[in-house]
N, C-alpha and C. Protein backbone atom coordinates (compact mmCIF):
# COMPACT_ATOMS: atom_id res chain seq x y z
N MET A 1 0.82 -1.19 0.00
CA MET A 1 0.00 0.00 0.00
C MET A 1 0.86 1.26 0.00
N GLY A 2 2.00 1.22 0.63
CA GLY A 2 2.90 2.36 0.68
C GLY A 2 3.38 2.75 -0.71
N THR A 3 3.62 1.79 -1.58
CA THR A 3 4.09 2.08 -2.94
C THR A 3 3.00 2.80 -3.73
N MET A 4 1.76 2.38 -3.58
CA MET A 4 0.64 3.01 -4.29
C MET A 4 0.44 4.45 -3.80
N GLN A 5 0.53 4.68 -2.51
CA GLN A 5 0.38 6.03 -1.97
C GLN A 5 1.54 6.92 -2.44
N ASN A 6 2.72 6.36 -2.50
CA ASN A 6 3.90 7.10 -2.96
C ASN A 6 3.71 7.50 -4.43
N LEU A 7 3.22 6.58 -5.26
CA LEU A 7 2.97 6.86 -6.67
C LEU A 7 1.89 7.92 -6.82
N GLN A 8 0.83 7.82 -6.03
CA GLN A 8 -0.25 8.81 -6.08
C GLN A 8 0.28 10.18 -5.69
N ARG A 9 1.12 10.25 -4.66
CA ARG A 9 1.68 11.52 -4.22
C ARG A 9 2.56 12.12 -5.32
N GLN A 10 3.33 11.29 -6.03
CA GLN A 10 4.19 11.77 -7.11
C GLN A 10 3.36 12.33 -8.27
N VAL A 11 2.29 11.63 -8.64
CA VAL A 11 1.43 12.09 -9.73
C VAL A 11 0.76 13.41 -9.35
N LEU A 12 0.26 13.51 -8.14
CA LEU A 12 -0.40 14.73 -7.69
C LEU A 12 0.56 15.91 -7.61
N SER A 13 1.84 15.63 -7.41
CA SER A 13 2.81 16.72 -7.30
C SER A 13 3.25 17.26 -8.67
N LEU A 14 2.76 16.67 -9.76
CA LEU A 14 3.11 17.14 -11.11
C LEU A 14 2.32 18.37 -11.54
N ILE A 15 1.12 18.56 -10.99
CA ILE A 15 0.22 19.63 -11.42
C ILE A 15 -0.28 20.39 -10.20
N GLY A 16 -0.39 21.71 -10.35
CA GLY A 16 -0.94 22.51 -9.27
C GLY A 16 -1.75 23.67 -9.78
N ARG A 17 -2.69 24.13 -8.97
CA ARG A 17 -3.45 25.35 -9.25
C ARG A 17 -2.86 26.45 -8.41
N ALA A 18 -2.88 27.67 -8.95
CA ALA A 18 -2.29 28.79 -8.23
C ALA A 18 -3.02 30.08 -8.54
N VAL A 19 -2.77 31.08 -7.70
CA VAL A 19 -3.28 32.43 -7.92
C VAL A 19 -2.08 33.30 -8.28
N VAL A 20 -2.22 34.06 -9.38
CA VAL A 20 -1.13 34.93 -9.84
C VAL A 20 -1.02 36.13 -8.91
N LYS A 21 0.19 36.39 -8.47
CA LYS A 21 0.46 37.55 -7.62
C LYS A 21 1.04 38.69 -8.45
N SER A 22 1.94 38.39 -9.39
CA SER A 22 2.51 39.41 -10.27
C SER A 22 3.05 38.74 -11.51
N ILE A 23 3.28 39.57 -12.56
CA ILE A 23 3.78 39.07 -13.83
C ILE A 23 4.91 39.97 -14.30
N ASN A 24 5.97 39.36 -14.82
CA ASN A 24 7.06 40.10 -15.46
C ASN A 24 6.94 39.81 -16.95
N ALA A 25 6.51 40.81 -17.72
CA ALA A 25 6.30 40.63 -19.16
C ALA A 25 7.48 41.17 -19.97
N ALA A 26 8.59 41.55 -19.32
CA ALA A 26 9.71 42.17 -20.02
C ALA A 26 10.68 41.16 -20.62
N SER A 27 10.72 39.96 -20.12
CA SER A 27 11.70 38.98 -20.60
C SER A 27 11.18 38.24 -21.83
N LYS A 28 12.07 37.48 -22.47
CA LYS A 28 11.67 36.72 -23.67
C LYS A 28 10.52 35.77 -23.36
N CYS A 29 10.59 35.13 -22.21
CA CYS A 29 9.50 34.28 -21.75
C CYS A 29 8.91 34.94 -20.51
N GLN A 30 7.67 35.34 -20.60
CA GLN A 30 7.00 35.98 -19.47
C GLN A 30 7.09 35.09 -18.24
N THR A 31 7.28 35.69 -17.07
CA THR A 31 7.32 34.91 -15.84
C THR A 31 6.23 35.39 -14.89
N VAL A 32 5.77 34.48 -14.05
CA VAL A 32 4.73 34.80 -13.08
C VAL A 32 5.19 34.43 -11.68
N ASP A 33 4.75 35.22 -10.73
CA ASP A 33 4.90 34.89 -9.32
C ASP A 33 3.53 34.45 -8.85
N VAL A 34 3.46 33.31 -8.19
CA VAL A 34 2.17 32.73 -7.82
C VAL A 34 2.17 32.27 -6.37
N GLU A 35 0.95 32.02 -5.91
CA GLU A 35 0.77 31.35 -4.63
C GLU A 35 -0.06 30.11 -4.91
N LEU A 36 0.52 28.95 -4.64
CA LEU A 36 -0.19 27.69 -4.85
C LEU A 36 -1.32 27.58 -3.83
N LEU A 37 -2.29 26.73 -4.11
CA LEU A 37 -3.45 26.63 -3.23
C LEU A 37 -3.07 26.23 -1.82
N ALA A 38 -1.96 25.54 -1.64
CA ALA A 38 -1.50 25.14 -0.31
C ALA A 38 -0.80 26.29 0.41
N GLY A 39 -0.76 27.48 -0.22
CA GLY A 39 -0.12 28.64 0.39
C GLY A 39 1.35 28.79 0.05
N GLN A 40 1.89 27.83 -0.69
CA GLN A 40 3.31 27.90 -1.08
C GLN A 40 3.49 28.94 -2.16
N LYS A 41 4.49 29.82 -1.98
CA LYS A 41 4.77 30.87 -2.98
C LYS A 41 5.89 30.42 -3.89
N LYS A 42 5.73 30.70 -5.19
CA LYS A 42 6.75 30.40 -6.20
C LYS A 42 6.94 31.65 -7.05
N ALA A 43 8.18 32.03 -7.30
CA ALA A 43 8.47 33.23 -8.07
C ALA A 43 9.23 32.88 -9.34
N GLY A 44 9.05 33.70 -10.38
CA GLY A 44 9.80 33.55 -11.62
C GLY A 44 9.47 32.31 -12.42
N ILE A 45 8.23 31.85 -12.35
CA ILE A 45 7.81 30.67 -13.10
C ILE A 45 7.58 31.08 -14.55
N GLU A 46 8.19 30.36 -15.49
CA GLU A 46 8.00 30.65 -16.91
C GLU A 46 6.55 30.37 -17.30
N HIS A 47 5.95 31.34 -18.01
CA HIS A 47 4.59 31.16 -18.51
C HIS A 47 4.69 30.88 -20.00
N LEU A 48 4.45 29.65 -20.40
CA LEU A 48 4.53 29.25 -21.81
C LEU A 48 3.22 29.60 -22.49
N GLU A 49 3.29 30.59 -23.40
CA GLU A 49 2.09 31.06 -24.08
C GLU A 49 2.01 30.46 -25.48
N PRO A 50 0.80 30.31 -26.03
CA PRO A 50 0.67 29.80 -27.40
C PRO A 50 1.33 30.76 -28.38
N TYR A 51 1.92 30.23 -29.43
CA TYR A 51 2.57 31.05 -30.46
C TYR A 51 1.59 32.07 -31.02
N GLY A 52 2.03 33.31 -31.12
CA GLY A 52 1.22 34.36 -31.72
C GLY A 52 0.27 35.04 -30.75
N PHE A 53 0.21 34.60 -29.51
CA PHE A 53 -0.69 35.20 -28.52
C PHE A 53 0.10 35.53 -27.27
N THR A 54 -0.19 36.68 -26.71
CA THR A 54 0.41 37.03 -25.43
C THR A 54 -0.58 37.88 -24.67
N SER A 55 -0.46 37.89 -23.38
CA SER A 55 -1.32 38.71 -22.54
C SER A 55 -0.61 38.94 -21.21
N ARG A 56 -1.06 39.91 -20.49
CA ARG A 56 -0.52 40.16 -19.16
C ARG A 56 -1.72 40.27 -18.23
N ALA A 57 -1.99 39.20 -17.55
CA ALA A 57 -3.17 39.12 -16.68
C ALA A 57 -3.01 40.01 -15.46
N GLN A 58 -4.13 40.30 -14.84
CA GLN A 58 -4.15 41.06 -13.59
C GLN A 58 -3.77 40.15 -12.43
N SER A 59 -3.26 40.76 -11.38
CA SER A 59 -3.04 40.03 -10.14
C SER A 59 -4.39 39.45 -9.71
N GLY A 60 -4.38 38.22 -9.26
CA GLY A 60 -5.62 37.56 -8.88
C GLY A 60 -6.11 36.56 -9.91
N ALA A 61 -5.49 36.56 -11.09
CA ALA A 61 -5.85 35.56 -12.11
C ALA A 61 -5.42 34.18 -11.60
N GLU A 62 -5.91 33.16 -12.25
CA GLU A 62 -5.59 31.79 -11.84
C GLU A 62 -4.66 31.14 -12.86
N ALA A 63 -3.84 30.20 -12.39
CA ALA A 63 -2.88 29.53 -13.26
C ALA A 63 -2.85 28.04 -13.00
N ILE A 64 -2.53 27.30 -14.05
CA ILE A 64 -2.23 25.88 -13.93
C ILE A 64 -0.72 25.76 -14.04
N ILE A 65 -0.11 25.16 -13.04
CA ILE A 65 1.34 25.03 -12.95
C ILE A 65 1.72 23.57 -13.08
N LEU A 66 2.71 23.30 -13.94
CA LEU A 66 3.25 21.95 -14.07
C LEU A 66 4.63 21.90 -13.42
N PHE A 67 4.92 20.78 -12.81
CA PHE A 67 6.23 20.53 -12.23
C PHE A 67 6.81 19.31 -12.94
N PRO A 68 7.55 19.55 -14.06
CA PRO A 68 8.10 18.42 -14.82
C PRO A 68 8.93 17.50 -13.92
N ASP A 69 8.76 16.22 -14.10
CA ASP A 69 9.45 15.20 -13.31
C ASP A 69 9.14 15.32 -11.82
N GLY A 70 8.08 16.04 -11.46
CA GLY A 70 7.73 16.20 -10.06
C GLY A 70 8.68 17.11 -9.30
N ASP A 71 9.56 17.80 -10.01
CA ASP A 71 10.55 18.69 -9.39
C ASP A 71 9.88 20.01 -9.06
N ARG A 72 9.60 20.25 -7.78
CA ARG A 72 8.89 21.45 -7.36
C ARG A 72 9.76 22.70 -7.46
N SER A 73 11.06 22.53 -7.72
CA SER A 73 11.94 23.70 -7.81
C SER A 73 11.93 24.31 -9.22
N HIS A 74 11.47 23.56 -10.22
CA HIS A 74 11.40 24.10 -11.58
C HIS A 74 9.98 23.88 -12.10
N ALA A 75 9.22 24.98 -12.16
CA ALA A 75 7.82 24.89 -12.59
C ALA A 75 7.62 25.69 -13.87
N VAL A 76 6.55 25.37 -14.59
CA VAL A 76 6.12 26.15 -15.74
C VAL A 76 4.61 26.36 -15.64
N ALA A 77 4.16 27.55 -16.02
CA ALA A 77 2.73 27.85 -16.08
C ALA A 77 2.28 27.58 -17.50
N ILE A 78 1.27 26.74 -17.67
CA ILE A 78 0.80 26.43 -19.02
C ILE A 78 -0.49 27.15 -19.37
N ALA A 79 -1.15 27.68 -18.38
CA ALA A 79 -2.39 28.43 -18.64
C ALA A 79 -2.59 29.45 -17.53
N VAL A 80 -2.97 30.66 -17.93
CA VAL A 80 -3.35 31.70 -16.98
C VAL A 80 -4.70 32.21 -17.45
N ALA A 81 -5.68 32.19 -16.58
CA ALA A 81 -7.04 32.61 -16.93
C ALA A 81 -7.59 33.51 -15.83
N ASP A 82 -8.59 34.30 -16.20
CA ASP A 82 -9.20 35.18 -15.21
C ASP A 82 -10.70 35.20 -15.39
N ARG A 83 -11.38 34.46 -14.56
CA ARG A 83 -12.83 34.32 -14.68
C ARG A 83 -13.58 35.62 -14.42
N ARG A 84 -12.90 36.61 -13.79
CA ARG A 84 -13.55 37.90 -13.51
C ARG A 84 -13.88 38.64 -14.80
N TYR A 85 -13.11 38.42 -15.86
CA TYR A 85 -13.28 39.19 -17.10
C TYR A 85 -13.67 38.32 -18.29
N ARG A 86 -13.76 37.02 -18.11
CA ARG A 86 -14.05 36.12 -19.22
C ARG A 86 -15.39 36.46 -19.86
N MET A 87 -15.41 36.50 -21.20
CA MET A 87 -16.65 36.75 -21.93
C MET A 87 -17.55 35.53 -21.80
N LYS A 88 -18.82 35.79 -21.57
CA LYS A 88 -19.79 34.71 -21.40
C LYS A 88 -20.81 34.75 -22.54
N GLY A 89 -21.46 33.64 -22.77
CA GLY A 89 -22.56 33.60 -23.72
C GLY A 89 -22.17 33.37 -25.17
N LEU A 90 -20.92 33.00 -25.45
CA LEU A 90 -20.56 32.70 -26.84
C LEU A 90 -21.34 31.47 -27.30
N LYS A 91 -21.65 31.46 -28.58
CA LYS A 91 -22.32 30.30 -29.17
C LYS A 91 -21.27 29.26 -29.55
N THR A 92 -21.69 28.03 -29.70
CA THR A 92 -20.79 26.95 -30.09
C THR A 92 -20.01 27.34 -31.34
N GLY A 93 -18.70 27.23 -31.29
CA GLY A 93 -17.84 27.54 -32.43
C GLY A 93 -17.33 28.97 -32.46
N GLU A 94 -17.86 29.86 -31.61
CA GLU A 94 -17.41 31.25 -31.62
C GLU A 94 -16.10 31.39 -30.84
N VAL A 95 -15.32 32.41 -31.20
CA VAL A 95 -14.01 32.65 -30.61
C VAL A 95 -13.90 34.13 -30.28
N ALA A 96 -13.23 34.46 -29.17
CA ALA A 96 -13.06 35.87 -28.82
C ALA A 96 -11.73 36.10 -28.13
N ILE A 97 -11.19 37.31 -28.33
CA ILE A 97 -10.10 37.79 -27.49
C ILE A 97 -10.67 39.00 -26.76
N TYR A 98 -10.25 39.19 -25.52
CA TYR A 98 -10.86 40.23 -24.70
C TYR A 98 -9.89 40.66 -23.61
N ASP A 99 -10.24 41.76 -22.95
CA ASP A 99 -9.43 42.22 -21.82
C ASP A 99 -10.34 42.66 -20.68
N ASP A 100 -9.73 43.22 -19.64
CA ASP A 100 -10.47 43.63 -18.46
C ASP A 100 -11.19 44.97 -18.64
N LEU A 101 -10.99 45.66 -19.76
CA LEU A 101 -11.63 46.96 -20.00
C LEU A 101 -12.86 46.86 -20.88
N GLY A 102 -13.23 45.64 -21.31
CA GLY A 102 -14.40 45.47 -22.17
C GLY A 102 -14.08 45.53 -23.65
N GLN A 103 -12.81 45.62 -24.00
CA GLN A 103 -12.41 45.60 -25.41
C GLN A 103 -12.40 44.15 -25.88
N SER A 104 -12.86 43.92 -27.12
CA SER A 104 -12.88 42.54 -27.60
C SER A 104 -12.96 42.47 -29.11
N VAL A 105 -12.55 41.34 -29.63
CA VAL A 105 -12.78 40.96 -31.02
C VAL A 105 -13.43 39.59 -30.95
N THR A 106 -14.63 39.48 -31.50
CA THR A 106 -15.37 38.22 -31.43
C THR A 106 -15.68 37.72 -32.83
N LEU A 107 -15.31 36.49 -33.10
CA LEU A 107 -15.66 35.82 -34.35
C LEU A 107 -16.98 35.12 -34.10
N THR A 108 -18.07 35.80 -34.48
CA THR A 108 -19.40 35.26 -34.21
C THR A 108 -19.85 34.39 -35.38
N ARG A 109 -20.98 33.77 -35.24
CA ARG A 109 -21.54 32.93 -36.31
C ARG A 109 -22.04 33.80 -37.46
N THR A 110 -22.27 35.10 -37.23
CA THR A 110 -22.79 35.97 -38.27
C THR A 110 -21.78 36.99 -38.77
N GLY A 111 -20.58 37.05 -38.18
CA GLY A 111 -19.56 37.99 -38.62
C GLY A 111 -18.61 38.34 -37.49
N ILE A 112 -17.65 39.20 -37.78
CA ILE A 112 -16.64 39.61 -36.80
C ILE A 112 -17.10 40.91 -36.14
N VAL A 113 -17.06 40.93 -34.81
CA VAL A 113 -17.46 42.11 -34.06
C VAL A 113 -16.25 42.63 -33.29
N VAL A 114 -15.89 43.89 -33.54
CA VAL A 114 -14.81 44.56 -32.81
C VAL A 114 -15.46 45.55 -31.87
N ASP A 115 -15.22 45.39 -30.57
CA ASP A 115 -15.77 46.28 -29.56
C ASP A 115 -14.62 47.03 -28.91
N GLY A 116 -14.54 48.33 -29.11
CA GLY A 116 -13.46 49.14 -28.56
C GLY A 116 -13.60 49.44 -27.08
N GLY A 117 -14.67 49.00 -26.45
CA GLY A 117 -14.84 49.24 -25.02
C GLY A 117 -14.82 50.72 -24.68
N GLY A 118 -15.26 51.57 -25.61
CA GLY A 118 -15.26 53.01 -25.37
C GLY A 118 -13.92 53.68 -25.62
N LYS A 119 -12.97 52.93 -26.15
CA LYS A 119 -11.62 53.46 -26.41
C LYS A 119 -11.42 53.59 -27.93
N ILE A 120 -10.40 54.34 -28.33
CA ILE A 120 -10.08 54.54 -29.74
C ILE A 120 -9.52 53.24 -30.34
N ILE A 121 -9.94 52.92 -31.55
CA ILE A 121 -9.38 51.79 -32.29
C ILE A 121 -8.43 52.38 -33.34
N THR A 122 -7.18 51.98 -33.32
CA THR A 122 -6.17 52.55 -34.20
C THR A 122 -5.58 51.46 -35.09
N PHE A 123 -5.55 51.72 -36.39
CA PHE A 123 -4.85 50.85 -37.34
C PHE A 123 -3.57 51.59 -37.69
N LYS A 124 -2.41 50.94 -37.62
CA LYS A 124 -1.18 51.67 -37.89
C LYS A 124 -0.14 50.84 -38.62
N ASN A 125 0.84 51.56 -39.15
CA ASN A 125 2.01 51.00 -39.81
C ASN A 125 1.65 50.13 -41.02
N ALA A 126 0.77 50.64 -41.85
CA ALA A 126 0.41 49.95 -43.09
C ALA A 126 0.39 50.99 -44.20
N PRO A 127 0.77 50.61 -45.42
CA PRO A 127 0.76 51.60 -46.50
C PRO A 127 -0.64 52.06 -46.88
N LYS A 128 -1.65 51.24 -46.61
CA LYS A 128 -3.04 51.64 -46.86
C LYS A 128 -3.95 50.62 -46.21
N ALA A 129 -5.20 50.99 -46.07
CA ALA A 129 -6.23 50.06 -45.60
C ALA A 129 -7.12 49.76 -46.81
N ARG A 130 -7.39 48.51 -47.06
CA ARG A 130 -8.16 48.12 -48.23
C ARG A 130 -9.39 47.35 -47.78
N PHE A 131 -10.53 47.81 -48.22
CA PHE A 131 -11.78 47.15 -47.89
C PHE A 131 -12.41 46.69 -49.19
N GLU A 132 -12.62 45.42 -49.35
CA GLU A 132 -13.20 44.89 -50.58
C GLU A 132 -14.67 44.56 -50.37
N MET A 133 -15.38 45.58 -49.86
CA MET A 133 -16.81 45.45 -49.61
C MET A 133 -17.37 46.84 -49.38
N PRO A 134 -18.69 46.99 -49.44
CA PRO A 134 -19.29 48.30 -49.15
C PRO A 134 -18.98 48.70 -47.70
N ILE A 135 -18.81 49.99 -47.47
CA ILE A 135 -18.54 50.50 -46.12
C ILE A 135 -19.74 51.32 -45.67
N GLU A 136 -20.21 51.09 -44.47
CA GLU A 136 -21.31 51.85 -43.90
C GLU A 136 -20.86 52.41 -42.56
N SER A 137 -21.39 53.57 -42.19
CA SER A 137 -21.06 54.17 -40.90
C SER A 137 -22.30 54.82 -40.32
N THR A 138 -22.55 54.62 -39.04
CA THR A 138 -23.65 55.31 -38.37
C THR A 138 -23.15 56.60 -37.73
N GLY A 139 -21.84 56.83 -37.76
CA GLY A 139 -21.25 58.05 -37.21
C GLY A 139 -20.64 58.90 -38.31
N GLN A 140 -20.01 59.99 -37.93
CA GLN A 140 -19.38 60.90 -38.88
C GLN A 140 -18.07 60.30 -39.40
N ILE A 141 -17.75 60.58 -40.66
CA ILE A 141 -16.48 60.19 -41.26
C ILE A 141 -15.73 61.47 -41.56
N LYS A 142 -14.47 61.57 -41.10
CA LYS A 142 -13.70 62.80 -41.27
C LYS A 142 -12.36 62.46 -41.88
N ASP A 143 -11.97 63.21 -42.93
CA ASP A 143 -10.66 63.01 -43.53
C ASP A 143 -9.65 63.92 -42.82
N LEU A 144 -8.38 63.63 -42.98
CA LEU A 144 -7.32 64.43 -42.37
C LEU A 144 -7.68 64.82 -40.93
N CYS A 145 -8.10 63.83 -40.15
CA CYS A 145 -8.68 64.08 -38.83
C CYS A 145 -7.72 64.74 -37.84
N ASP A 146 -6.41 64.64 -38.06
CA ASP A 146 -5.46 65.26 -37.15
C ASP A 146 -5.10 66.68 -37.55
N SER A 147 -5.69 67.17 -38.62
CA SER A 147 -5.39 68.55 -39.04
C SER A 147 -6.68 69.27 -39.40
N SER A 148 -6.78 69.78 -40.60
CA SER A 148 -7.91 70.63 -40.99
C SER A 148 -8.99 69.88 -41.77
N GLY A 149 -9.10 68.60 -41.58
CA GLY A 149 -10.05 67.82 -42.36
C GLY A 149 -11.50 68.18 -42.09
N GLN A 150 -12.37 67.67 -42.94
CA GLN A 150 -13.81 67.92 -42.81
C GLN A 150 -14.55 66.60 -42.75
N THR A 151 -15.72 66.64 -42.16
CA THR A 151 -16.57 65.45 -42.15
C THR A 151 -17.23 65.31 -43.52
N MET A 152 -17.68 64.12 -43.82
CA MET A 152 -18.43 63.89 -45.07
C MET A 152 -19.70 64.74 -45.07
N ALA A 153 -20.33 64.93 -43.90
CA ALA A 153 -21.55 65.74 -43.82
C ALA A 153 -21.25 67.19 -44.22
N ALA A 154 -20.12 67.73 -43.75
CA ALA A 154 -19.75 69.11 -44.10
C ALA A 154 -19.45 69.22 -45.60
N MET A 155 -18.79 68.20 -46.16
CA MET A 155 -18.50 68.22 -47.59
C MET A 155 -19.79 68.14 -48.40
N ARG A 156 -20.77 67.37 -47.91
CA ARG A 156 -22.05 67.24 -48.60
C ARG A 156 -22.78 68.59 -48.61
N ILE A 157 -22.78 69.29 -47.47
CA ILE A 157 -23.42 70.61 -47.38
C ILE A 157 -22.74 71.58 -48.34
N ALA A 158 -21.40 71.57 -48.36
CA ALA A 158 -20.66 72.48 -49.25
C ALA A 158 -20.98 72.16 -50.71
N TYR A 159 -21.03 70.89 -51.07
CA TYR A 159 -21.33 70.48 -52.46
C TYR A 159 -22.74 70.88 -52.85
N ASN A 160 -23.70 70.54 -51.99
CA ASN A 160 -25.10 70.80 -52.33
C ASN A 160 -25.39 72.29 -52.47
N GLY A 161 -24.68 73.14 -51.74
CA GLY A 161 -24.91 74.58 -51.82
C GLY A 161 -23.96 75.29 -52.77
N HIS A 162 -23.16 74.53 -53.49
CA HIS A 162 -22.11 75.12 -54.33
C HIS A 162 -22.66 75.91 -55.51
N LYS A 163 -22.19 77.16 -55.61
CA LYS A 163 -22.46 78.03 -56.76
C LYS A 163 -21.14 78.72 -57.07
N HIS A 164 -20.96 79.12 -58.31
CA HIS A 164 -19.76 79.89 -58.66
C HIS A 164 -20.04 80.75 -59.89
N LYS A 165 -19.17 81.71 -60.09
CA LYS A 165 -19.31 82.58 -61.28
C LYS A 165 -18.84 81.84 -62.51
N GLU A 166 -19.64 81.95 -63.55
CA GLU A 166 -19.26 81.35 -64.84
C GLU A 166 -19.80 82.26 -65.93
N ASN A 167 -18.93 82.76 -66.76
CA ASN A 167 -19.30 83.68 -67.84
C ASN A 167 -20.11 84.87 -67.31
N GLY A 168 -19.71 85.36 -66.14
CA GLY A 168 -20.35 86.54 -65.57
C GLY A 168 -21.62 86.26 -64.81
N ASN A 169 -22.12 85.02 -64.81
CA ASN A 169 -23.34 84.66 -64.08
C ASN A 169 -23.00 83.73 -62.91
N ILE A 170 -23.89 83.65 -61.96
CA ILE A 170 -23.75 82.71 -60.84
C ILE A 170 -24.50 81.43 -61.23
N THR A 171 -23.81 80.30 -61.13
CA THR A 171 -24.42 79.01 -61.50
C THR A 171 -25.44 78.59 -60.45
N ASP A 172 -26.32 77.69 -60.86
CA ASP A 172 -27.24 77.07 -59.93
C ASP A 172 -26.50 76.04 -59.09
N THR A 173 -27.13 75.59 -58.03
CA THR A 173 -26.56 74.48 -57.24
C THR A 173 -26.61 73.23 -58.10
N PRO A 174 -25.86 72.18 -57.73
CA PRO A 174 -25.83 70.95 -58.54
C PRO A 174 -27.24 70.39 -58.77
N ASP A 175 -27.46 69.83 -59.98
CA ASP A 175 -28.75 69.22 -60.31
C ASP A 175 -29.07 68.03 -59.40
N THR A 176 -28.02 67.25 -59.10
CA THR A 176 -28.20 66.07 -58.26
C THR A 176 -27.45 66.26 -56.94
N PRO A 177 -28.16 66.57 -55.87
CA PRO A 177 -27.46 66.77 -54.59
C PRO A 177 -26.97 65.44 -54.02
N MET A 178 -25.94 65.52 -53.19
CA MET A 178 -25.49 64.34 -52.43
C MET A 178 -26.50 64.09 -51.33
N GLU A 179 -26.96 62.89 -51.25
CA GLU A 179 -27.96 62.53 -50.22
C GLU A 179 -27.26 62.17 -48.92
N ALA A 180 -27.90 62.46 -47.85
CA ALA A 180 -27.36 62.12 -46.52
C ALA A 180 -27.63 60.68 -46.21
């Protein structure tokens, strides 16, 4: 019976649950400081993240810690999750990335939804943005927004009211106004 208990203890010592206390995201491999459920503290544990994805969780997030070969002195975190901010209600097959501020990108069954959480969405470092579909907006569209640009509504007003001198006469406004 002692051998079976010893084997069980070894297997149980391979995996642990922990609460994240802090994260160092500056190194090549992010590290976490955690407190295991038994109250044991571990610092500088490598957090192995999936290729192409990275995040820096808040203190209080939960982690799954592996101890390869049962060696409690060298641990790796294979998952860090935070149920406080997890998006709920996704349909089967849907995928989302999200943060603690309400920002998210959700691949829904009917299309992709980008939610800025009330913050600015910025596209940068590209020679151009190309949309191969009709574009619709429920808000104002403004060109040269960081300088003297105008909204499409202002351009429409200027176009629709446009008159100029031609051969000594003032022209009429355009025959076909831009519709709002």
